Each structure stands twice: as structure tokens, then as C-alpha cells.
Protein backbone atom coordinates (compact mmCIF):
# COMPACT_ATOMS: atom_id res chain seq x y z
CA UNK A 1 -2.40 -41.10 -71.08
CA UNK A 2 -4.76 -39.41 -73.48
CA UNK A 3 -4.15 -36.46 -75.74
CA UNK A 4 -5.53 -33.17 -74.43
CA UNK A 5 -7.58 -31.87 -77.32
CA UNK A 6 -9.75 -28.76 -77.49
CA UNK A 7 -13.25 -29.51 -76.26
CA UNK A 8 -16.07 -29.25 -78.76
CA UNK A 9 -19.76 -29.84 -78.03
CA UNK A 10 -20.17 -33.58 -78.61
CA UNK A 11 -23.69 -33.35 -79.98
CA UNK A 12 -25.02 -31.70 -83.11
CA UNK A 13 -21.57 -30.53 -84.20
CA UNK A 14 -22.73 -29.97 -87.75
CA UNK A 15 -24.25 -26.75 -88.96
CA UNK A 16 -27.33 -28.45 -90.40
CA UNK A 17 -30.42 -29.83 -88.69
CA UNK A 18 -29.20 -33.43 -88.41
CA UNK A 19 -30.20 -35.02 -85.10
CA UNK A 20 -27.53 -37.70 -85.24
CA UNK A 21 -24.80 -37.43 -82.56
CA UNK A 22 -21.30 -37.18 -83.99
CA UNK A 23 -18.52 -39.12 -82.26
CA UNK A 24 -15.67 -37.02 -80.89
CA UNK A 25 -12.45 -37.51 -78.94
CA UNK A 26 -12.37 -35.66 -75.63
CA UNK A 27 -9.65 -34.68 -73.15
CA UNK A 28 -9.17 -37.41 -70.55
CA UNK A 29 -10.25 -35.29 -67.57
CA UNK A 30 -13.46 -34.12 -69.26
CA UNK A 31 -14.34 -37.65 -70.33
CA UNK A 32 -13.82 -38.93 -66.78
CA UNK A 33 -16.14 -36.20 -65.47
CA UNK A 34 -18.85 -37.03 -68.00
CA UNK A 35 -18.57 -40.74 -67.24
CA UNK A 36 -19.09 -39.98 -63.55
CA UNK A 37 -22.14 -37.85 -64.34
CA UNK A 38 -23.74 -39.81 -67.16
CA UNK A 39 -22.29 -43.30 -66.86
CA UNK A 40 -19.91 -45.04 -69.24
CA UNK A 41 -22.67 -46.69 -71.28
CA UNK A 42 -24.41 -43.42 -72.16
CA UNK A 43 -21.09 -41.73 -72.97
CA UNK A 44 -20.25 -44.49 -75.42
CA UNK A 45 -23.70 -44.25 -77.01
CA UNK A 46 -23.15 -40.52 -77.46
CA UNK A 47 -19.86 -41.20 -79.20
CA UNK A 48 -17.54 -39.71 -76.57
CA UNK A 49 -14.17 -41.43 -76.41
CA UNK A 50 -10.58 -40.93 -75.34
CA UNK A 51 -7.80 -40.54 -77.89
CA UNK A 52 -4.42 -42.20 -77.13
CA UNK A 53 -1.51 -39.73 -76.96
CA UNK A 54 0.47 -41.50 -79.69
CA UNK A 55 -2.45 -41.79 -82.09
CA UNK A 56 -1.96 -40.73 -85.71
CA UNK A 57 -4.43 -40.97 -88.57
CA UNK A 58 -3.49 -41.34 -92.24
CA UNK A 59 -6.11 -39.94 -94.62
CA UNK A 60 -5.48 -41.16 -98.18
CA UNK A 61 -7.15 -39.08 -100.90
CA UNK A 62 -7.07 -40.28 -104.53
CA UNK A 63 -7.65 -37.31 -106.87
CA UNK A 64 -8.42 -37.00 -110.57
CA UNK A 65 -9.64 -33.74 -112.10
CA UNK A 66 -11.20 -32.25 -108.95
CA UNK A 67 -9.94 -28.67 -109.23
CA UNK A 68 -13.31 -27.21 -108.22
CA UNK A 69 -13.62 -29.25 -105.01
CA UNK A 70 -10.22 -30.28 -103.72
CA UNK A 71 -9.30 -27.16 -101.71
CA UNK A 72 -12.58 -27.23 -99.76
CA UNK A 73 -12.29 -30.98 -99.24
CA UNK A 74 -8.80 -30.60 -97.78
CA UNK A 75 -10.01 -27.77 -95.53
CA UNK A 76 -12.66 -30.09 -94.11
CA UNK A 77 -10.19 -32.93 -93.63
CA UNK A 78 -7.79 -30.61 -91.81
CA UNK A 79 -10.64 -29.52 -89.52
CA UNK A 80 -11.19 -33.08 -88.26
CA UNK A 81 -9.89 -33.06 -84.63
CA UNK A 82 -7.30 -35.85 -84.95
CA UNK A 83 -3.49 -35.83 -85.27
CA UNK A 84 -3.07 -36.81 -88.90
CA UNK A 85 -1.23 -36.84 -92.18
CA UNK A 86 -3.14 -36.21 -95.41
CA UNK A 87 -1.71 -38.17 -98.33
CA UNK A 88 -3.08 -36.86 -101.62
CA UNK A 89 -2.40 -38.88 -104.78
CA UNK A 90 -3.03 -36.94 -107.99
CA UNK A 91 -3.75 -39.53 -110.67
CA UNK A 92 -2.43 -37.44 -113.59
CA UNK A 93 -5.10 -34.72 -113.48
CA UNK A 94 -5.34 -32.44 -116.51
CA UNK A 95 -7.61 -29.66 -115.23
CA UNK A 96 -5.22 -27.74 -112.95
CA UNK A 97 -5.84 -29.88 -109.86
CA UNK A 98 -2.10 -30.34 -109.29
CA UNK A 99 -1.47 -26.59 -109.12
CA UNK A 100 -4.22 -26.22 -106.49
CA UNK A 101 -2.73 -29.11 -104.52
CA UNK A 102 0.70 -27.48 -104.54
CA UNK A 103 -0.80 -24.30 -103.08
CA UNK A 104 -2.62 -26.28 -100.38
CA UNK A 105 0.49 -28.29 -99.47
CA UNK A 106 2.62 -25.14 -99.24
CA UNK A 107 0.25 -23.80 -96.58
CA UNK A 108 -0.13 -27.06 -94.61
CA UNK A 109 2.69 -29.41 -93.53
CA UNK A 110 0.13 -32.19 -92.87
CA UNK A 111 -0.38 -32.62 -96.63
CA UNK A 112 1.86 -35.06 -98.50
CA UNK A 113 1.60 -35.00 -102.30
CA UNK A 114 2.14 -37.86 -104.75
CA UNK A 115 1.68 -37.45 -108.48
CA UNK A 116 1.16 -40.19 -111.08
CA UNK A 117 2.63 -39.50 -114.51
CA UNK A 118 -0.14 -41.53 -116.18
CA UNK A 119 -3.77 -41.92 -115.14
CA UNK A 120 -4.20 -45.38 -113.61
CA UNK A 121 -7.41 -45.28 -111.56
CA UNK A 122 -8.60 -45.06 -107.95
CA UNK A 123 -7.20 -48.42 -106.87
CA UNK A 124 -3.73 -47.61 -108.18
CA UNK A 125 -3.80 -44.20 -106.49
CA UNK A 126 -4.78 -45.80 -103.19
CA UNK A 127 -1.92 -48.30 -103.41
CA UNK A 128 0.51 -45.41 -103.84
CA UNK A 129 -1.02 -43.63 -100.85
CA UNK A 130 -1.09 -46.72 -98.63
CA UNK A 131 2.62 -47.29 -99.28
CA UNK A 132 3.37 -43.87 -97.73
CA UNK A 133 0.94 -44.10 -94.79
CA UNK A 134 2.51 -44.05 -91.31
CA UNK A 135 -0.56 -43.64 -89.09
CA UNK A 136 -1.94 -46.42 -86.91
CA UNK A 137 -5.28 -46.10 -88.72
CA UNK A 138 -5.98 -45.32 -92.38
CA UNK A 139 -9.14 -43.73 -93.79
CA UNK A 140 -9.98 -43.62 -97.51
CA UNK A 141 -11.37 -40.21 -98.50
CA UNK A 142 -12.74 -39.38 -101.96
CA UNK A 143 -11.65 -36.01 -103.34
CA UNK A 144 -15.16 -34.66 -103.98
CA UNK A 145 -17.58 -33.49 -101.28
CA UNK A 146 -19.88 -36.52 -101.30
CA UNK A 147 -18.43 -37.82 -98.01
CA UNK A 148 -18.11 -35.60 -94.94
CA UNK A 149 -14.89 -35.70 -92.83
CA UNK A 150 -17.07 -34.73 -89.85
CA UNK A 151 -17.89 -38.47 -89.76
CA UNK A 152 -14.31 -39.51 -88.92
CA UNK A 153 -15.16 -39.82 -85.24
CA UNK A 154 -17.84 -42.40 -85.96
CA UNK A 155 -15.48 -44.41 -88.15
CA UNK A 156 -12.64 -44.32 -85.65
CA UNK A 157 -14.47 -44.93 -82.37
CA UNK A 158 -14.86 -48.75 -82.75
CA UNK A 159 -11.16 -49.05 -83.65
CA UNK A 160 -9.89 -46.80 -80.85
CA UNK A 161 -12.07 -48.64 -78.33
CA UNK A 162 -10.60 -51.95 -79.61
CA UNK A 163 -13.89 -53.31 -80.88
CA UNK A 164 -12.97 -53.37 -84.56
CA UNK A 165 -10.07 -53.60 -87.00
CA UNK A 166 -12.00 -52.47 -90.08
CA UNK A 167 -14.97 -50.07 -90.17
CA UNK A 168 -17.24 -49.46 -93.16
CA UNK A 169 -19.28 -46.24 -93.27
CA UNK A 170 -22.75 -47.11 -94.55
CA UNK A 171 -24.99 -44.68 -96.42
CA UNK A 172 -28.02 -46.91 -95.84
CA UNK A 173 -28.41 -47.36 -92.08
CA UNK A 174 -30.17 -44.37 -90.66
CA UNK A 175 -28.31 -41.23 -91.77
CA UNK A 176 -29.26 -38.35 -94.05
CA UNK A 177 -28.36 -38.41 -97.75
CA UNK A 178 -29.02 -36.43 -100.88
CA UNK A 179 -31.77 -38.03 -103.00
CA UNK A 180 -30.40 -38.83 -106.46
CA UNK A 181 -30.18 -41.85 -108.75
CA UNK A 182 -32.56 -44.76 -108.01
CA UNK A 183 -30.77 -47.25 -110.27
CA UNK A 184 -27.44 -46.45 -108.65
CA UNK A 185 -28.89 -47.47 -105.29
CA UNK A 186 -30.36 -50.65 -106.81
CA UNK A 187 -27.01 -51.59 -108.36
CA UNK A 188 -25.23 -50.85 -105.08
CA UNK A 189 -27.56 -53.12 -103.11
CA UNK A 190 -27.23 -55.92 -105.66
CA UNK A 191 -23.44 -55.71 -105.62
CA UNK A 192 -23.37 -55.57 -101.83
CA UNK A 193 -25.64 -58.63 -101.61
CA UNK A 194 -23.49 -60.61 -104.05
CA UNK A 195 -20.35 -59.56 -102.17
CA UNK A 196 -21.92 -60.69 -98.88
CA UNK A 197 -22.78 -64.05 -100.43
CA UNK A 198 -19.15 -64.79 -101.30
CA UNK A 199 -17.55 -63.18 -98.21
CA UNK A 200 -20.16 -64.25 -95.62
CA UNK A 201 -20.26 -60.69 -94.26
CA UNK A 202 -23.55 -58.85 -93.69
CA UNK A 203 -22.65 -55.37 -94.90
CA UNK A 204 -25.27 -52.91 -96.13
CA UNK A 205 -22.86 -50.79 -98.23
CA UNK A 206 -19.82 -52.60 -99.62
CA UNK A 207 -19.27 -49.89 -102.27
CA UNK A 208 -18.89 -47.06 -99.75
CA UNK A 209 -15.81 -44.87 -100.01
CA UNK A 210 -15.45 -44.62 -96.23
CA UNK A 211 -13.33 -47.50 -95.03
CA UNK A 212 -11.22 -47.08 -91.90
CA UNK A 213 -8.79 -49.77 -90.83
CA UNK A 214 -5.70 -50.50 -88.80
CA UNK A 215 -2.58 -50.19 -90.94
CA UNK A 216 -1.61 -53.81 -90.20
CA UNK A 217 -4.71 -54.96 -92.12
CA UNK A 218 -2.74 -54.19 -95.30
CA UNK A 219 0.18 -56.37 -94.23
CA UNK A 220 0.39 -59.26 -96.65
CA UNK A 221 -2.63 -57.99 -98.64
CA UNK A 222 -1.77 -57.71 -102.35
CA UNK A 223 -4.25 -55.26 -103.85
CA UNK A 224 -4.44 -55.45 -107.65
CA UNK A 225 -7.48 -53.50 -108.89
CA UNK A 226 -6.64 -50.21 -110.58
CA UNK A 227 -10.08 -48.63 -110.78
CA UNK A 228 -13.21 -48.86 -108.61
CA UNK A 229 -12.68 -52.60 -108.21
CA UNK A 230 -10.76 -51.67 -105.07
CA UNK A 231 -14.01 -51.75 -103.06
CA UNK A 232 -15.00 -55.41 -103.64
CA UNK A 233 -11.36 -56.53 -103.69
CA UNK A 234 -10.53 -54.95 -100.34
CA UNK A 235 -13.77 -56.31 -98.83
CA UNK A 236 -13.09 -59.85 -100.06
CA UNK A 237 -9.52 -59.84 -98.79
CA UNK A 238 -10.53 -58.46 -95.39
CA UNK A 239 -13.11 -61.26 -95.10
CA UNK A 240 -10.56 -63.84 -96.18
CA UNK A 241 -8.24 -62.68 -93.43
CA UNK A 242 -10.70 -64.37 -90.99
CA UNK A 243 -9.31 -62.68 -87.89
CA UNK A 244 -10.25 -59.07 -88.70
CA UNK A 245 -13.20 -57.66 -86.76
CA UNK A 246 -15.47 -55.70 -89.11
CA UNK A 247 -17.93 -52.99 -88.00
CA UNK A 248 -20.38 -50.80 -89.91
CA UNK A 249 -21.47 -47.32 -88.80
CA UNK A 250 -23.91 -44.78 -90.30
CA UNK A 251 -22.51 -41.84 -92.27
CA UNK A 252 -24.04 -38.91 -94.10
CA UNK A 253 -23.86 -38.74 -97.88
CA UNK A 254 -24.29 -35.92 -100.37
CA UNK A 255 -23.97 -37.57 -103.78
CA UNK A 256 -23.30 -35.42 -106.80
CA UNK A 257 -24.65 -35.53 -110.34
CA UNK A 258 -22.72 -36.31 -113.50
CA UNK A 259 -22.93 -32.61 -114.36
CA UNK A 260 -21.15 -31.92 -111.06
CA UNK A 261 -18.37 -34.36 -111.91
CA UNK A 262 -19.51 -37.84 -110.83
CA UNK A 263 -17.30 -40.41 -112.56
CA UNK A 264 -18.58 -43.89 -111.72
CA UNK A 265 -20.87 -45.49 -114.35
CA UNK A 266 -22.43 -48.75 -115.49
CA UNK A 267 -19.10 -50.13 -116.75
CA UNK A 268 -17.76 -49.84 -113.21
CA UNK A 269 -20.74 -51.86 -111.94
CA UNK A 270 -19.88 -54.63 -114.42
CA UNK A 271 -16.24 -54.46 -113.33
CA UNK A 272 -17.30 -54.65 -109.67
CA UNK A 273 -19.31 -57.79 -110.40
CA UNK A 274 -16.24 -59.36 -112.01
CA UNK A 275 -14.08 -58.36 -109.02
CA UNK A 276 -16.57 -59.85 -106.55
CA UNK A 277 -16.30 -63.23 -108.28
CA UNK A 278 -12.56 -63.03 -108.92
CA UNK A 279 -11.39 -61.88 -105.51
CA UNK A 280 -14.16 -63.49 -103.49
CA UNK A 281 -13.78 -66.96 -104.93
CA UNK A 282 -10.44 -67.31 -106.68
CA UNK A 283 -7.74 -64.65 -106.18
């Protein structure tokens, strides 16, 4: 059986002028009706799918000094129409983020809080969150507003329809994005190309935050990177697993400036290059 969820218009569910359909779970009876009217192929192209009754999503959010953004980000995550737990790992923030998180968690039982005593980095925060995840599928969600939780349906559809085990959300295959740093995009494409060379995958955006995957993908995977090296390390170890089916779907992206709190820099690009070689060829 499928979960009976409130029906939302499956197309143009954002408030902007994007013309990209957004995937959504539908109640079983409504999906059957639409399949009879439109055909199964068109329904799948429109991103309409059925959600299993026992489905649960784990959203893991690493946080460091995001007091200005975190409450709105959690509101958007909560609005995503999926049964879920939201695991927020505060990596020793010093700007009052923890106090905001406590207020959010007090008002929402979906939110699970973890706090690091010492700042360790995104990769370490994700490891702490993954250890607590109990959903069948896990999504990595950055704590700023660069990535939109309205895209969860797109990320989850290939997994729920049993086409994929791991889904990368790409910022470079046909979706809107804020125009910002040229050299960041150049570095991203170089790192993605080098990663593809050692993993034999054909991704367009290895460095994307949005990675959705079945929880069993982590079984036996020993993640070691503490900072932003998580991205190439996870990609290399997924590829090394051989049996995992990897998909890529378009997502929207609203990058922020350094004045707005962007943290990644050129040192992280150098570290990513090291991680590509280390985890792709040796570790």
C-alpha cells in the first residue's frame, strides 16, 4: 500500500517562474487515476510517484555558525512532503546557532540535535549524523539556503522507483542557478573531471551537497575525511562498491557570497584534489 498524502499540484510547485516540473509523491488512488488518463510514461516524466507506507527519510544537516539561516532552512526541510527525521549536527558553533536550534527542536519532534564539543568539519559532522540515521534513505542538506529542499522529490524518485541506490543532484544539467563565481565553477568542473577519471563515473557535479542514498550504502563504508573532502571520498567509495546504481538529476542552486557566509575556499579545492587521488586510487 501507499501512504495517503495531501495532494499538491505536481507542476510548478515553486513560487518563482521556474518551468521545471518538481517530482512529488501522490496518494495511490490519485496516481492510479492520472496513470489511466495520461499513461504511466508521462506520469513518470512529470515526476509523479507513489510513496511506500513504511517510507522514512533521514535528512542530515551539518551546521557551523549559521544562526542567520538555520531556522528558515529547517522550516523548508519540514515542509518537504515526506515522513522524515531531521538530524542536525552543530559542529561547535560560536555565534548562537545552538540556541536557535534548541528553540526549533522544542517546537518540532522531527528534529534530532547533536552537538560537537570541538569544531571538526563537515565530514565529521556527517559521520555523527549518519550514525543516528534510521530512515531507509538519507539526504545530505547544507545548513545555508543554497540548496532547496523542494528538490527532494527529484532526488528520491529514482530510489523509490528502484532505479537507483545513490542520486547526485547536479547544478549543471538544465536547472536555474544564481550567477556568481566563475573560478569556482571552473574548479568544480576540473575536480569533477578528475574524480570521474579515477572512479569511471560520468558525473557533472561531484562536489554537490545534494546526495541521496539508501542507508545500506554506508554499510561497511569507512568515511575518514573531516572537512569538505567528504564529497570526493564518498563518491570514490560509492564507485568502488561496484554494485551501487548511481543517478544524477537536475537541482536548483542559489549560491551565496563570502559576505553572506560562504565558507569553502581554495584550500578546500587543494584538499579535494588530494582526496580524489587518495580515496580514488589508494584508500
